[in-house]
């Protein structure tokens, strides 16, 4: 789920608080990694509107 700002961030934060393991995604690495650190989640930089990025291996 996108989770670096707004309602996506709030949803990710709530899911973590409820005990879920969350991996957020977003286009902006810096903002995404900072948000993920704040809520103890993982982060993957990806633009979900570009199908070729979905096929790219993640590290």
Protein backbone atom coordinates (compact mmCIF):
# COMPACT_ATOMS: atom_id res chain seq x y z
CA UNK A 1 0.00 0.00 0.00
CA UNK A 2 1.17 3.52 -0.66
CA UNK A 3 2.06 4.96 2.68
CA UNK A 4 4.30 8.00 2.63
CA UNK A 5 1.62 10.63 3.28
CA UNK A 6 -2.02 11.44 3.88
CA UNK A 7 -4.63 8.74 4.25
CA UNK A 8 -2.23 6.08 2.95
CA UNK A 9 0.21 6.90 5.75
CA UNK A 10 -2.59 6.87 8.31
CA UNK A 11 -3.83 3.51 7.08
CA UNK A 12 -0.33 2.02 7.16
CA UNK A 13 0.23 3.41 10.68
CA UNK A 14 -3.06 1.94 11.91
CA UNK A 15 -2.27 -1.46 10.39
CA UNK A 16 1.15 -1.52 12.09
CA UNK A 17 -0.47 -0.53 15.40
CA UNK A 18 -2.87 -3.46 15.00
CA UNK A 19 0.08 -5.84 14.58
CA UNK A 20 0.27 -6.12 10.78
CA UNK A 21 3.55 -6.31 8.94
CA UNK A 22 3.40 -3.42 6.44
CA UNK A 23 5.46 -2.64 3.37
CA UNK A 24 4.63 0.77 1.94
CA UNK A 25 5.35 1.81 -1.62
CA UNK A 26 5.86 5.16 -3.27
CA UNK A 27 7.72 7.08 -5.93
CA UNK A 28 9.76 9.29 -3.59
CA UNK A 29 12.43 7.24 -1.81
CA UNK A 30 13.35 9.82 0.84
CA UNK A 31 9.77 10.56 1.93
CA UNK A 32 8.78 6.90 1.79
CA UNK A 33 11.73 5.64 3.80
CA UNK A 34 11.24 8.37 6.43
CA UNK A 35 7.53 7.57 6.80
CA UNK A 36 8.23 3.84 6.97
CA UNK A 37 10.84 4.35 9.71
CA UNK A 38 8.38 6.42 11.75
CA UNK A 39 5.86 3.58 11.86
CA UNK A 40 8.27 0.60 11.78
CA UNK A 41 7.27 -0.54 8.28
CA UNK A 42 9.18 -1.56 5.19
CA UNK A 43 9.39 0.54 2.02
CA UNK A 44 9.72 -0.20 -1.69
CA UNK A 45 10.28 2.61 -4.19
CA UNK A 46 8.00 1.99 -7.18
CA UNK A 47 5.62 3.91 -9.44
CA UNK A 48 2.54 1.67 -9.49
CA UNK A 49 1.24 3.38 -12.62
CA UNK A 50 4.14 1.88 -14.62
CA UNK A 51 3.68 -1.85 -15.20
CA UNK A 52 7.39 -2.34 -16.02
CA UNK A 53 8.30 -1.20 -12.51
CA UNK A 54 6.08 -3.87 -11.02
CA UNK A 55 8.11 -6.51 -12.83
CA UNK A 56 11.47 -5.11 -11.62
CA UNK A 57 13.19 -7.18 -8.92
CA UNK A 58 13.21 -5.50 -5.48
CA UNK A 59 16.18 -5.54 -3.16
